[in-house]
């Protein structure tokens, strides 16, 4: 499971009536534990808790408790010999109203209402072996945007299976990076007007989505063409507008192919574009591109994590330096 899937599973769990007996198993399942693993914990074969909770070796010790008893439950979890013997990385206690947890490796803690657990799910991503996309998890808005991009990505691959083959992996990566840039640029003053990119697609594309790929392709071509050269490049007037500045640095160079869109794809695209991208941290763009793909598809498409410093080496000359200048 990737971070997007885990966030959805935790959201679903927090939205259900609290069942103290089932919560530990549902929580672990949300982080990718297989059915056989859960069954062995239920049977007691691998559950090493000495407090009547659920203790997964090398992972987490979970204890549900009566209303208002979380502090004493956390104290018991910390003092538990089994917690130490099993080398648990986390301890967690909840009464179904509130929830507290501690990362025993770093000493970091969280305390929140039970229904707010999805906001803090990133705290537990190491339980699923995920650390590279943690920057996304720290901002619930980043996760929301990533989840919607993931839906768009999956639908596009369904409608364009040829883009999933190894030969097209660079094109798919590049296309998603271009979209993310445009969503950010239209909300941060780089483009001429709030939501200008999304608005143009909505206005110029047909509702059946038959020409969405053509509209996006013209916009990409425009941003790869200096403004004073656009008149001779046969770029439509609506795309050649100064609202879409020339973007140097290579983001829009190379192939300008765009996958075909269905009505559903178009709807997802407009939905993602309708978010307020000023709330999204640009430092996590590389992690966002990685996280939108399913595990298997990510491997097929060659998506790998890029550190923030390396991401910024690319993004700074493209648009962040100019953006910072405008904001001074």
C-alpha atoms as a PDB file:
ATOM      1  CA  UNK A   1       0.000   0.000   0.000  1.00  0.00           C
ATOM      2  CA  UNK A   2       1.159   3.515  -0.690  1.00  0.00           C
ATOM      3  CA  UNK A   3       0.606   6.616   1.437  1.00  0.00           C
ATOM      4  CA  UNK A   4      -2.534   7.632  -0.426  1.00  0.00           C
ATOM      5  CA  UNK A   5      -4.191   4.248   0.119  1.00  0.00           C
ATOM      6  CA  UNK A   6      -3.223   4.230   3.788  1.00  0.00           C
ATOM      7  CA  UNK A   7      -4.690   7.691   4.325  1.00  0.00           C
ATOM      8  CA  UNK A   8      -7.977   6.516   2.821  1.00  0.00           C
ATOM      9  CA  UNK A   9      -8.017   3.367   4.961  1.00  0.00           C
ATOM     10  CA  UNK A  10      -7.411   5.378   8.148  1.00  0.00           C
ATOM     11  CA  UNK A  11     -10.108   7.860   7.124  1.00  0.00           C
ATOM     12  CA  UNK A  12     -12.548   4.979   6.694  1.00  0.00           C
ATOM     13  CA  UNK A  13     -11.557   3.503  10.058  1.00  0.00           C
ATOM     14  CA  UNK A  14     -11.998   6.795  11.919  1.00  0.00           C
ATOM     15  CA  UNK A  15     -15.421   7.240  10.346  1.00  0.00           C
ATOM     16  CA  UNK A  16     -16.755   3.936  11.668  1.00  0.00           C
ATOM     17  CA  UNK A  17     -18.172   3.313  15.171  1.00  0.00           C
ATOM     18  CA  UNK A  18     -15.332   2.534  17.559  1.00  0.00           C
ATOM     19  CA  UNK A  19     -14.964  -1.167  18.387  1.00  0.00           C
ATOM     20  CA  UNK A  20     -12.295  -1.602  21.085  1.00  0.00           C
ATOM     21  CA  UNK A  21     -11.790  -5.284  20.309  1.00  0.00           C
ATOM     22  CA  UNK A  22     -11.415  -4.777  16.570  1.00  0.00           C
ATOM     23  CA  UNK A  23      -9.572  -1.457  16.454  1.00  0.00           C
ATOM     24  CA  UNK A  24      -5.994  -2.823  16.796  1.00  0.00           C
ATOM     25  CA  UNK A  25      -6.480  -5.260  13.931  1.00  0.00           C
ATOM     26  CA  UNK A  26      -8.262  -2.737  11.701  1.00  0.00           C
ATOM     27  CA  UNK A  27      -5.502  -0.221  12.396  1.00  0.00           C
ATOM     28  CA  UNK A  28      -2.760  -2.675  11.432  1.00  0.00           C
ATOM     29  CA  UNK A  29      -4.687  -3.760   8.349  1.00  0.00           C
ATOM     30  CA  UNK A  30      -4.914  -0.116   7.267  1.00  0.00           C
ATOM     31  CA  UNK A  31      -1.119  -0.014   7.177  1.00  0.00           C
ATOM     32  CA  UNK A  32      -0.852  -2.951   4.827  1.00  0.00           C
ATOM     33  CA  UNK A  33      -0.695  -5.990   7.105  1.00  0.00           C
ATOM     34  CA  UNK A  34      -1.899  -9.074   5.259  1.00  0.00           C
ATOM     35  CA  UNK A  35      -4.889 -11.162   6.289  1.00  0.00           C
ATOM     36  CA  UNK A  36      -2.664 -14.048   7.401  1.00  0.00           C
ATOM     37  CA  UNK A  37      -0.650 -11.675   9.605  1.00  0.00           C
ATOM     38  CA  UNK A  38      -3.824 -10.366  11.242  1.00  0.00           C
ATOM     39  CA  UNK A  39      -5.121 -13.905  11.775  1.00  0.00           C
ATOM     40  CA  UNK A  40      -1.926 -14.940  13.556  1.00  0.00           C
ATOM     41  CA  UNK A  41      -2.181 -11.901  15.820  1.00  0.00           C
ATOM     42  CA  UNK A  42      -5.818 -12.713  16.601  1.00  0.00           C
ATOM     43  CA  UNK A  43      -4.955 -16.290  17.499  1.00  0.00           C
ATOM     44  CA  UNK A  44      -2.220 -15.129  19.852  1.00  0.00           C
ATOM     45  CA  UNK A  45       0.511 -16.893  17.906  1.00  0.00           C
ATOM     46  CA  UNK A  46       2.369 -13.641  17.220  1.00  0.00           C
ATOM     47  CA  UNK A  47       0.655 -11.263  19.658  1.00  0.00           C
ATOM     48  CA  UNK A  48       3.192 -10.634  22.431  1.00  0.00           C
ATOM     49  CA  UNK A  49       1.200  -8.132  24.509  1.00  0.00           C
ATOM     50  CA  UNK A  50       1.340  -8.557  28.275  1.00  0.00           C
ATOM     51  CA  UNK A  51      -1.408  -5.969  28.810  1.00  0.00           C
ATOM     52  CA  UNK A  52      -4.301  -7.550  26.956  1.00  0.00           C
ATOM     53  CA  UNK A  53      -3.651  -5.416  23.900  1.00  0.00           C
ATOM     54  CA  UNK A  54      -2.031  -6.217  20.571  1.00  0.00           C
ATOM     55  CA  UNK A  55       1.755  -6.186  20.244  1.00  0.00           C
ATOM     56  CA  UNK A  56       3.333  -6.789  16.867  1.00  0.00           C
ATOM     57  CA  UNK A  57       7.036  -7.565  17.123  1.00  0.00           C
ATOM     58  CA  UNK A  58       9.329  -4.817  15.830  1.00  0.00           C
ATOM     59  CA  UNK A  59       6.316  -2.640  15.135  1.00  0.00           C
ATOM     60  CA  UNK A  60       3.701  -1.394  17.607  1.00  0.00           C
ATOM     61  CA  UNK A  61       2.013  -2.102  20.943  1.00  0.00           C
ATOM     62  CA  UNK A  62      -1.676  -1.067  20.892  1.00  0.00           C
ATOM     63  CA  UNK A  63      -3.996  -0.881  23.885  1.00  0.00           C
ATOM     64  CA  UNK A  64      -7.647   0.149  23.932  1.00  0.00           C
ATOM     65  CA  UNK A  65      -8.991   1.357  27.252  1.00  0.00           C
ATOM     66  CA  UNK A  66     -11.985   2.737  29.122  1.00  0.00           C
ATOM     67  CA  UNK A  67     -13.065   6.334  28.647  1.00  0.00           C
ATOM     68  CA  UNK A  68     -10.550   8.735  30.199  1.00  0.00           C
ATOM     69  CA  UNK A  69      -7.911   6.078  30.888  1.00  0.00           C
ATOM     70  CA  UNK A  70      -5.484   6.923  28.084  1.00  0.00           C
ATOM     71  CA  UNK A  71      -2.771   8.461  30.340  1.00  0.00           C
ATOM     72  CA  UNK A  72      -2.573   5.350  32.506  1.00  0.00           C
ATOM     73  CA  UNK A  73      -2.677   3.126  29.435  1.00  0.00           C
ATOM     74  CA  UNK A  74       0.264   4.998  27.889  1.00  0.00           C
ATOM     75  CA  UNK A  75       2.195   4.685  31.141  1.00  0.00           C
ATOM     76  CA  UNK A  76       1.565   0.951  31.172  1.00  0.00           C
ATOM     77  CA  UNK A  77       2.659   0.598  27.550  1.00  0.00           C
ATOM     78  CA  UNK A  78       5.919   2.440  28.205  1.00  0.00           C
ATOM     79  CA  UNK A  79       6.657   0.328  31.288  1.00  0.00           C
ATOM     80  CA  UNK A  80       5.659  -2.964  29.684  1.00  0.00           C
ATOM     81  CA  UNK A  81       8.535  -5.484  29.565  1.00  0.00           C
ATOM     82  CA  UNK A  82       6.921  -6.925  26.446  1.00  0.00           C
ATOM     83  CA  UNK A  83       7.183  -3.560  24.673  1.00  0.00           C
ATOM     84  CA  UNK A  84      10.938  -3.620  25.230  1.00  0.00           C
ATOM     85  CA  UNK A  85      11.394  -7.316  24.436  1.00  0.00           C
ATOM     86  CA  UNK A  86       9.490  -7.015  21.166  1.00  0.00           C
ATOM     87  CA  UNK A  87      11.449  -3.894  20.203  1.00  0.00           C
ATOM     88  CA  UNK A  88       8.229  -2.041  19.431  1.00  0.00           C
ATOM     89  CA  UNK A  89       8.756   1.201  17.538  1.00  0.00           C
ATOM     90  CA  UNK A  90       5.422   2.733  18.556  1.00  0.00           C
ATOM     91  CA  UNK A  91       2.918   2.579  21.386  1.00  0.00           C
ATOM     92  CA  UNK A  92      -0.700   3.657  20.978  1.00  0.00           C
ATOM     93  CA  UNK A  93      -3.650   3.960  23.345  1.00  0.00           C
ATOM     94  CA  UNK A  94      -7.228   4.981  22.593  1.00  0.00           C
ATOM     95  CA  UNK A  95     -10.605   5.002  24.292  1.00  0.00           C
ATOM     96  CA  UNK A  96     -12.500   5.732  21.093  1.00  0.00           C
ATOM     97  CA  UNK A  97     -12.846   9.393  22.024  1.00  0.00           C
ATOM     98  CA  UNK A  98      -9.202  10.431  21.994  1.00  0.00           C
ATOM     99  CA  UNK A  99      -5.991   8.794  20.911  1.00  0.00           C
ATOM    100  CA  UNK A 100      -2.355   9.115  21.942  1.00  0.00           C
ATOM    101  CA  UNK A 101       0.759   7.564  20.470  1.00  0.00           C
ATOM    102  CA  UNK A 102       4.515   7.780  20.822  1.00  0.00           C
ATOM    103  CA  UNK A 103       7.395   6.993  18.509  1.00  0.00           C
ATOM    104  CA  UNK A 104       9.743   5.196  20.892  1.00  0.00           C
ATOM    105  CA  UNK A 105      12.688   5.731  18.563  1.00  0.00           C
ATOM    106  CA  UNK A 106      12.452   9.518  18.251  1.00  0.00           C
ATOM    107  CA  UNK A 107      10.360  10.370  21.306  1.00  0.00           C
ATOM    108  CA  UNK A 108       7.813  12.219  19.159  1.00  0.00           C
ATOM    109  CA  UNK A 109       4.208  12.025  20.315  1.00  0.00           C
ATOM    110  CA  UNK A 110       0.733  12.821  19.039  1.00  0.00           C
ATOM    111  CA  UNK A 111      -2.499  13.415  20.952  1.00  0.00           C
ATOM    112  CA  UNK A 112      -5.762  14.108  19.165  1.00  0.00           C
ATOM    113  CA  UNK A 113      -9.424  13.229  19.024  1.00  0.00           C
ATOM    114  CA  UNK A 114     -10.154   9.810  17.568  1.00  0.00           C
ATOM    115  CA  UNK A 115     -11.885  11.315  14.536  1.00  0.00           C
ATOM    116  CA  UNK A 116      -8.787  13.409  13.778  1.00  0.00           C
ATOM    117  CA  UNK A 117      -6.591  10.327  13.399  1.00  0.00           C
ATOM    118  CA  UNK A 118      -6.476  10.695   9.568  1.00  0.00           C
ATOM    119  CA  UNK A 119      -4.824  14.106   9.966  1.00  0.00           C
ATOM    120  CA  UNK A 120      -1.936  12.456  11.814  1.00  0.00           C
ATOM    121  CA  UNK A 121      -1.717   9.174   9.911  1.00  0.00           C
ATOM    122  CA  UNK A 122       1.682  10.153   8.502  1.00  0.00           C
ATOM    123  CA  UNK A 123       3.143   9.811  11.985  1.00  0.00           C
ATOM    124  CA  UNK A 124       2.696   6.044  11.608  1.00  0.00           C
ATOM    125  CA  UNK A 125       3.922   5.601   8.014  1.00  0.00           C
ATOM    126  CA  UNK A 126       7.107   3.820   9.191  1.00  0.00           C
ATOM    127  CA  UNK A 127       4.786   0.964  10.230  1.00  0.00           C
ATOM    128  CA  UNK A 128       4.283   0.371   6.512  1.00  0.00           C
ATOM    129  CA  UNK A 129       7.961   0.811   5.724  1.00  0.00           C
ATOM    130  CA  UNK A 130       7.351   4.253   4.226  1.00  0.00           C
ATOM    131  CA  UNK A 131       9.705   7.084   5.029  1.00  0.00           C
ATOM    132  CA  UNK A 132      10.489   8.660   1.652  1.00  0.00           C
ATOM    133  CA  UNK A 133       7.124  10.375   1.285  1.00  0.00           C
ATOM    134  CA  UNK A 134       6.868  11.552   4.866  1.00  0.00           C
ATOM    135  CA  UNK A 135       7.035  15.212   3.863  1.00  0.00           C
ATOM    136  CA  UNK A 136       3.674  14.797   2.187  1.00  0.00           C
ATOM    137  CA  UNK A 137       2.185  13.220   5.280  1.00  0.00           C
ATOM    138  CA  UNK A 138       2.976  16.227   7.441  1.00  0.00           C
ATOM    139  CA  UNK A 139       0.424  18.346   5.626  1.00  0.00           C
ATOM    140  CA  UNK A 140      -3.125  17.021   5.340  1.00  0.00           C
ATOM    141  CA  UNK A 141      -3.757  19.337   2.388  1.00  0.00           C
ATOM    142  CA  UNK A 142      -0.770  17.857   0.544  1.00  0.00           C
ATOM    143  CA  UNK A 143      -2.243  14.398   1.063  1.00  0.00           C
ATOM    144  CA  UNK A 144      -5.640  15.531  -0.205  1.00  0.00           C
ATOM    145  CA  UNK A 145      -4.103  16.911  -3.377  1.00  0.00           C
ATOM    146  CA  UNK A 146      -1.982  13.802  -3.845  1.00  0.00           C
ATOM    147  CA  UNK A 147      -5.020  11.558  -3.411  1.00  0.00           C
ATOM    148  CA  UNK A 148      -6.909  13.416  -6.129  1.00  0.00           C
ATOM    149  CA  UNK A 149      -3.904  13.335  -8.438  1.00  0.00           C
ATOM    150  CA  UNK A 150      -3.696   9.612  -7.813  1.00  0.00           C
ATOM    151  CA  UNK A 151      -7.301   9.164  -8.952  1.00  0.00           C
ATOM    152  CA  UNK A 152      -6.585  11.134 -12.118  1.00  0.00           C
ATOM    153  CA  UNK A 153      -3.416   9.143 -12.735  1.00  0.00           C
ATOM    154  CA  UNK A 154      -5.120   5.764 -12.352  1.00  0.00           C
ATOM    155  CA  UNK A 155      -8.019   6.744 -14.612  1.00  0.00           C
ATOM    156  CA  UNK A 156      -5.650   8.054 -17.292  1.00  0.00           C
ATOM    157  CA  UNK A 157      -3.754   4.763 -17.301  1.00  0.00           C
ATOM    158  CA  UNK A 158      -7.021   2.847 -17.639  1.00  0.00           C
ATOM    159  CA  UNK A 159      -7.942   4.923 -20.671  1.00  0.00           C
ATOM    160  CA  UNK A 160      -4.401   5.031 -22.080  1.00  0.00           C
ATOM    161  CA  UNK A 161      -2.798   1.624 -21.378  1.00  0.00           C
ATOM    162  CA  UNK A 162      -0.039   2.351 -23.870  1.00  0.00           C
ATOM    163  CA  UNK A 163       1.275   5.008 -21.461  1.00  0.00           C
ATOM    164  CA  UNK A 164       1.954   2.319 -18.838  1.00  0.00           C
ATOM    165  CA  UNK A 165       4.595   0.501 -20.884  1.00  0.00           C
ATOM    166  CA  UNK A 166       8.279   1.003 -20.160  1.00  0.00           C
ATOM    167  CA  UNK A 167       8.810   2.933 -23.391  1.00  0.00           C
ATOM    168  CA  UNK A 168       6.394   5.662 -22.269  1.00  0.00           C
ATOM    169  CA  UNK A 169       7.406   5.932 -18.612  1.00  0.00           C
ATOM    170  CA  UNK A 170       9.386   9.128 -19.147  1.00  0.00           C
ATOM    171  CA  UNK A 171       6.459  10.703 -20.989  1.00  0.00           C
ATOM    172  CA  UNK A 172       4.066   9.858 -18.151  1.00  0.00           C
ATOM    173  CA  UNK A 173       6.428  11.181 -15.473  1.00  0.00           C
ATOM    174  CA  UNK A 174       6.983  14.348 -17.465  1.00  0.00           C
ATOM    175  CA  UNK A 175       3.275  14.876 -18.091  1.00  0.00           C
ATOM    176  CA  UNK A 176       2.394  14.620 -14.392  1.00  0.00           C
ATOM    177  CA  UNK A 177       5.245  16.979 -13.459  1.00  0.00           C
ATOM    178  CA  UNK A 178       3.954  19.524 -15.971  1.00  0.00           C
ATOM    179  CA  UNK A 179       0.431  19.324 -14.555  1.00  0.00           C
ATOM    180  CA  UNK A 180       1.654  19.810 -10.991  1.00  0.00           C
ATOM    181  CA  UNK A 181       3.671  22.849 -12.058  1.00  0.00           C
ATOM    182  CA  UNK A 182       0.664  24.365 -13.839  1.00  0.00           C
ATOM    183  CA  UNK A 183      -1.652  23.842 -10.872  1.00  0.00           C
ATOM    184  CA  UNK A 184       0.864  25.545  -8.599  1.00  0.00           C
ATOM    185  CA  UNK A 185       1.659  28.325 -11.070  1.00  0.00           C
ATOM    186  CA  UNK A 186      -1.965  29.292 -11.673  1.00  0.00           C
ATOM    187  CA  UNK A 187      -2.553  29.886  -7.954  1.00  0.00           C
ATOM    188  CA  UNK A 188       0.689  31.681  -7.076  1.00  0.00           C
ATOM    189  CA  UNK A 189       0.724  34.541  -9.560  1.00  0.00           C
ATOM    190  CA  UNK A 190       3.010  32.953 -12.148  1.00  0.00           C
ATOM    191  CA  UNK A 191       0.137  32.662 -14.619  1.00  0.00           C
ATOM    192  CA  UNK A 192      -2.093  35.626 -15.370  1.00  0.00           C
ATOM    193  CA  UNK A 193      -5.018  35.165 -13.042  1.00  0.00           C
ATOM    194  CA  UNK A 194      -6.121  32.803 -10.310  1.00  0.00           C
ATOM    195  CA  UNK A 195      -6.950  29.373 -11.714  1.00  0.00           C
ATOM    196  CA  UNK A 196      -6.134  30.460 -15.275  1.00  0.00           C
ATOM    197  CA  UNK A 197      -4.842  27.069 -16.463  1.00  0.00           C
ATOM    198  CA  UNK A 198      -7.819  25.095 -15.152  1.00  0.00           C
ATOM    199  CA  UNK A 199     -10.281  27.741 -16.310  1.00  0.00           C
ATOM    200  CA  UNK A 200      -8.881  27.635 -19.843  1.00  0.00           C
ATOM    201  CA  UNK A 201      -9.196  23.849 -20.023  1.00  0.00           C
ATOM    202  CA  UNK A 202     -12.768  24.038 -18.763  1.00  0.00           C
ATOM    203  CA  UNK A 203     -13.719  26.722 -21.293  1.00  0.00           C
ATOM    204  CA  UNK A 204     -11.894  25.394 -24.355  1.00  0.00           C
ATOM    205  CA  UNK A 205     -12.533  21.664 -23.981  1.00  0.00           C
ATOM    206  CA  UNK A 206     -15.803  19.949 -24.815  1.00  0.00           C
ATOM    207  CA  UNK A 207     -17.833  18.320 -22.060  1.00  0.00           C
ATOM    208  CA  UNK A 208     -17.351  14.910 -23.648  1.00  0.00           C
ATOM    209  CA  UNK A 209     -13.579  15.480 -23.196  1.00  0.00           C
ATOM    210  CA  UNK A 210     -12.831  14.609 -26.814  1.00  0.00           C
ATOM    211  CA  UNK A 211     -10.365  17.494 -27.229  1.00  0.00           C
ATOM    212  CA  UNK A 212      -8.901  17.867 -23.731  1.00  0.00           C
ATOM    213  CA  UNK A 213      -5.572  16.433 -24.863  1.00  0.00           C
ATOM    214  CA  UNK A 214      -5.424  18.978 -27.686  1.00  0.00           C
ATOM    215  CA  UNK A 215      -6.177  21.912 -25.367  1.00  0.00           C
ATOM    216  CA  UNK A 216      -3.507  20.867 -22.869  1.00  0.00           C
ATOM    217  CA  UNK A 217      -1.047  20.218 -25.687  1.00  0.00           C
ATOM    218  CA  UNK A 218      -1.511  23.745 -27.057  1.00  0.00           C
ATOM    219  CA  UNK A 219      -0.970  25.242 -23.593  1.00  0.00           C
ATOM    220  CA  UNK A 220       2.203  23.199 -23.105  1.00  0.00           C
ATOM    221  CA  UNK A 221       3.459  24.272 -26.542  1.00  0.00           C
ATOM    222  CA  UNK A 222       2.766  27.904 -25.693  1.00  0.00           C
ATOM    223  CA  UNK A 223       4.761  27.690 -22.466  1.00  0.00           C
ATOM    224  CA  UNK A 224       7.651  26.187 -24.422  1.00  0.00           C
ATOM    225  CA  UNK A 225       7.610  29.076 -26.922  1.00  0.00           C
ATOM    226  CA  UNK A 226       8.914  32.603 -26.213  1.00  0.00           C
ATOM    227  CA  UNK A 227       6.048  35.082 -26.354  1.00  0.00           C
ATOM    228  CA  UNK A 228       7.418  36.993 -29.354  1.00  0.00           C
ATOM    229  CA  UNK A 229       7.659  33.741 -31.365  1.00  0.00           C
ATOM    230  CA  UNK A 230       4.130  32.509 -30.751  1.00  0.00           C
ATOM    231  CA  UNK A 231       2.493  34.365 -33.621  1.00  0.00           C
ATOM    232  CA  UNK A 232       4.580  32.439 -36.150  1.00  0.00           C
ATOM    233  CA  UNK A 233       4.199  29.113 -34.329  1.00  0.00           C
ATOM    234  CA  UNK A 234       0.503  28.773 -35.219  1.00  0.00           C
ATOM    235  CA  UNK A 235      -0.478  28.664 -31.554  1.00  0.00           C
ATOM    236  CA  UNK A 236      -4.163  29.554 -31.007  1.00  0.00           C
ATOM    237  CA  UNK A 237      -4.715  33.021 -29.591  1.00  0.00           C
ATOM    238  CA  UNK A 238      -6.280  31.697 -26.375  1.00  0.00           C
ATOM    239  CA  UNK A 239      -3.174  29.594 -25.672  1.00  0.00           C
ATOM    240  CA  UNK A 240      -0.672  32.197 -26.887  1.00  0.00           C
ATOM    241  CA  UNK A 241      -1.914  34.656 -24.274  1.00  0.00           C
ATOM    242  CA  UNK A 242       0.634  36.384 -22.061  1.00  0.00           C
ATOM    243  CA  UNK A 243      -1.255  34.801 -19.177  1.00  0.00           C
ATOM    244  CA  UNK A 244       0.937  31.774 -19.876  1.00  0.00           C
ATOM    245  CA  UNK A 245       4.578  32.919 -19.738  1.00  0.00           C
ATOM    246  CA  UNK A 246       7.462  31.191 -21.437  1.00  0.00           C
ATOM    247  CA  UNK A 247       8.916  28.601 -19.053  1.00  0.00           C
ATOM    248  CA  UNK A 248      12.595  27.940 -19.605  1.00  0.00           C
ATOM    249  CA  UNK A 249      14.617  25.173 -17.975  1.00  0.00           C
ATOM    250  CA  UNK A 250      13.286  22.301 -20.069  1.00  0.00           C
ATOM    251  CA  UNK A 251      10.049  21.459 -18.268  1.00  0.00           C
ATOM    252  CA  UNK A 252       8.019  21.841 -21.473  1.00  0.00           C
ATOM    253  CA  UNK A 253      10.707  20.768 -23.923  1.00  0.00           C
ATOM    254  CA  UNK A 254      10.735  17.392 -25.642  1.00  0.00           C
ATOM    255  CA  UNK A 255       7.596  15.453 -26.461  1.00  0.00           C
ATOM    256  CA  UNK A 256       4.370  17.381 -25.913  1.00  0.00           C
ATOM    257  CA  UNK A 257       2.148  14.320 -26.222  1.00  0.00           C
ATOM    258  CA  UNK A 258      -0.821  14.315 -23.863  1.00  0.00           C
ATOM    259  CA  UNK A 259      -2.864  11.225 -22.954  1.00  0.00           C
ATOM    260  CA  UNK A 260      -6.488  11.089 -24.078  1.00  0.00           C
ATOM    261  CA  UNK A 261      -9.084  12.092 -21.490  1.00  0.00           C
ATOM    262  CA  UNK A 262     -12.483  10.590 -20.789  1.00  0.00           C
ATOM    263  CA  UNK A 263     -15.324  12.570 -19.205  1.00  0.00           C
ATOM    264  CA  UNK A 264     -14.290  11.127 -15.837  1.00  0.00           C
ATOM    265  CA  UNK A 265     -10.651  12.078 -16.413  1.00  0.00           C
ATOM    266  CA  UNK A 266     -11.681  15.627 -17.301  1.00  0.00           C
ATOM    267  CA  UNK A 267     -13.771  15.854 -14.145  1.00  0.00           C
ATOM    268  CA  UNK A 268     -10.843  14.704 -11.991  1.00  0.00           C
ATOM    269  CA  UNK A 269      -8.519  17.181 -13.708  1.00  0.00           C
ATOM    270  CA  UNK A 270     -10.847  20.119 -13.072  1.00  0.00           C
ATOM    271  CA  UNK A 271     -11.349  18.973  -9.487  1.00  0.00           C
ATOM    272  CA  UNK A 272      -7.610  18.890  -8.803  1.00  0.00           C
ATOM    273  CA  UNK A 273      -7.173  22.258 -10.482  1.00  0.00           C
ATOM    274  CA  UNK A 274      -9.910  23.682  -8.279  1.00  0.00           C
ATOM    275  CA  UNK A 275      -7.821  23.151  -5.139  1.00  0.00           C
ATOM    276  CA  UNK A 276      -5.982  26.079  -3.579  1.00  0.00           C
ATOM    277  CA  UNK A 277      -2.423  25.137  -4.475  1.00  0.00           C
ATOM    278  CA  UNK A 278      -0.978  27.992  -2.443  1.00  0.00           C
ATOM    279  CA  UNK A 279      -1.533  25.728   0.572  1.00  0.00           C
ATOM    280  CA  UNK A 280       0.685  23.011  -0.873  1.00  0.00           C
ATOM    281  CA  UNK A 281       4.371  22.949  -0.008  1.00  0.00           C
ATOM    282  CA  UNK A 282       6.361  23.061  -3.296  1.00  0.00           C
ATOM    283  CA  UNK A 283       9.216  21.192  -1.616  1.00  0.00           C
ATOM    284  CA  UNK A 284       7.206  17.957  -1.791  1.00  0.00           C
ATOM    285  CA  UNK A 285       6.528  17.929  -5.548  1.00  0.00           C
ATOM    286  CA  UNK A 286       8.995  15.093  -6.129  1.00  0.00           C
ATOM    287  CA  UNK A 287       7.437  13.019  -3.363  1.00  0.00           C
ATOM    288  CA  UNK A 288       3.983  13.843  -4.701  1.00  0.00           C
ATOM    289  CA  UNK A 289       4.844  12.511  -8.159  1.00  0.00           C
ATOM    290  CA  UNK A 290       6.114   9.299  -6.568  1.00  0.00           C
ATOM    291  CA  UNK A 291       3.101   8.865  -4.322  1.00  0.00           C
ATOM    292  CA  UNK A 292       0.428   9.197  -7.012  1.00  0.00           C
ATOM    293  CA  UNK A 293       1.402   5.822  -8.491  1.00  0.00           C
ATOM    294  CA  UNK A 294       0.393   2.445  -7.155  1.00  0.00           C
ATOM    295  CA  UNK A 295       3.349   0.362  -5.949  1.00  0.00           C
ATOM    296  CA  UNK A 296       3.437  -1.896  -9.012  1.00  0.00           C
ATOM    297  CA  UNK A 297       2.743   0.898 -11.472  1.00  0.00           C
ATOM    298  CA  UNK A 298       5.354   3.122  -9.820  1.00  0.00           C
ATOM    299  CA  UNK A 299       7.970   0.481 -10.543  1.00  0.00           C
ATOM    300  CA  UNK A 300       6.806   0.040 -14.122  1.00  0.00           C
ATOM    301  CA  UNK A 301       6.880   3.773 -14.730  1.00  0.00           C
ATOM    302  CA  UNK A 302      10.300   4.246 -13.159  1.00  0.00           C
ATOM    303  CA  UNK A 303       9.105   6.595 -10.423  1.00  0.00           C
ATOM    304  CA  UNK A 304      11.708   7.017  -7.715  1.00  0.00           C
ATOM    305  CA  UNK A 305      11.968   9.362  -4.770  1.00  0.00           C
ATOM    306  CA  UNK A 306      14.008  12.520  -5.228  1.00  0.00           C
ATOM    307  CA  UNK A 307      15.253  14.402  -2.192  1.00  0.00           C
ATOM    308  CA  UNK A 308      14.020  17.932  -1.528  1.00  0.00           C
ATOM    309  CA  UNK A 309      17.426  19.547  -2.258  1.00  0.00           C
ATOM    310  CA  UNK A 310      17.580  17.787  -5.630  1.00  0.00           C
ATOM    311  CA  UNK A 311      13.966  18.689  -6.411  1.00  0.00           C
ATOM    312  CA  UNK A 312      14.729  22.328  -5.706  1.00  0.00           C
ATOM    313  CA  UNK A 313      17.796  22.254  -7.963  1.00  0.00           C
ATOM    314  CA  UNK A 314      15.346  21.658 -10.813  1.00  0.00           C
ATOM    315  CA  UNK A 315      12.404  23.755  -9.625  1.00  0.00           C
ATOM    316  CA  UNK A 316      14.324  26.862  -8.530  1.00  0.00           C
ATOM    317  CA  UNK A 317      15.528  27.884 -12.015  1.00  0.00           C
ATOM    318  CA  UNK A 318      12.168  26.880 -13.507  1.00  0.00           C
ATOM    319  CA  UNK A 319       9.927  29.077 -11.427  1.00  0.00           C
ATOM    320  CA  UNK A 320      10.632  29.280  -7.697  1.00  0.00           C
ATOM    321  CA  UNK A 321      13.399  31.882  -8.009  1.00  0.00           C
ATOM    322  CA  UNK A 322      11.138  34.093 -10.102  1.00  0.00           C
ATOM    323  CA  UNK A 323       8.257  33.534  -7.694  1.00  0.00           C
ATOM    324  CA  UNK A 324      10.366  34.545  -4.709  1.00  0.00           C
ATOM    325  CA  UNK A 325      11.403  37.717  -6.540  1.00  0.00           C
ATOM    326  CA  UNK A 326       7.761  38.604  -7.147  1.00  0.00           C
ATOM    327  CA  UNK A 327       6.891  38.047  -3.510  1.00  0.00           C
ATOM    328  CA  UNK A 328       9.660  40.287  -2.144  1.00  0.00           C
END
